[in-house]
Amino acid sequence: MTKISVEVPDELLADLDEHVGETKKFVNRSDAIRASIRKTLDLLDDIDERHGRLEDE
């Protein structure tokens, strides 16, 4: 798996950390960020599909 580095505002990181931990939705920050990226890309695909912008695969 490729590793990347990103700069994240402290406020956003604090919000993220509220959802990370053994008894919370995500096990670690990486898991939370991957899930967020997947969800965002799915939403963008849905928007593109509604606007007829998806290319045939």
Protein backbone atom coordinates (compact mmCIF):
# COMPACT_ATOMS: atom_id res chain seq x y z
CA MET A 1 0.00 0.00 0.00
CA THR A 2 1.37 3.40 -0.94
CA LYS A 3 1.96 5.93 1.82
CA ILE A 4 1.20 9.63 1.31
CA SER A 5 1.63 12.71 3.45
CA VAL A 6 -0.96 15.46 3.73
CA GLU A 7 -1.28 18.65 5.69
CA VAL A 8 -4.46 18.75 7.77
CA PRO A 9 -5.75 21.75 9.74
CA ASP A 10 -5.69 21.16 13.50
CA GLU A 11 -9.46 21.68 13.74
CA LEU A 12 -10.14 18.97 11.16
CA LEU A 13 -7.74 16.57 12.84
CA ALA A 14 -9.44 17.18 16.20
CA ASP A 15 -12.83 16.39 14.63
CA LEU A 16 -11.39 13.26 13.04
CA ASP A 17 -9.92 12.07 16.32
CA GLU A 18 -13.37 12.19 17.93
CA HIS A 19 -14.27 9.22 15.71
CA VAL A 20 -11.06 7.22 16.10
CA GLY A 21 -10.39 4.67 18.83
CA GLU A 22 -11.12 1.12 19.93
CA THR A 23 -14.71 1.89 20.94
CA LYS A 24 -15.42 4.29 18.06
CA LYS A 25 -16.20 4.01 14.37
CA PHE A 26 -12.59 3.86 13.10
CA VAL A 27 -9.63 1.94 14.51
CA ASN A 28 -7.08 4.54 13.44
CA ARG A 29 -6.69 7.75 11.46
CA SER A 30 -5.64 5.95 8.29
CA ASP A 31 -8.81 3.84 8.33
CA ALA A 32 -10.93 6.96 8.80
CA ILE A 33 -9.20 8.84 5.98
CA ARG A 34 -9.46 5.89 3.56
CA ALA A 35 -13.19 5.55 4.32
CA SER A 36 -13.71 9.26 3.79
CA ILE A 37 -11.91 9.22 0.45
CA ARG A 38 -13.96 6.22 -0.73
CA LYS A 39 -17.23 7.86 0.29
CA THR A 40 -16.30 11.15 -1.35
CA LEU A 41 -15.34 9.45 -4.61
CA ASP A 42 -18.59 7.45 -4.60
CA LEU A 43 -20.57 10.67 -4.11
CA LEU A 44 -18.70 12.35 -6.95
CA ASP A 45 -19.39 9.35 -9.20
CA ASP A 46 -23.10 9.61 -8.34
CA ILE A 47 -23.10 13.31 -9.21
CA ASP A 48 -21.27 12.67 -12.49
CA GLU A 49 -23.72 9.88 -13.36
CA ARG A 50 -26.72 12.16 -12.76
CA HIS A 51 -25.16 14.75 -15.06
CA GLY A 52 -24.24 12.23 -17.75
CA ARG A 53 -20.52 12.76 -17.28
CA LEU A 54 -19.44 9.16 -16.67
CA GLU A 55 -17.63 7.45 -19.51
CA ASP A 56 -18.62 3.93 -20.52
CA GLU A 57 -16.24 1.37 -19.06
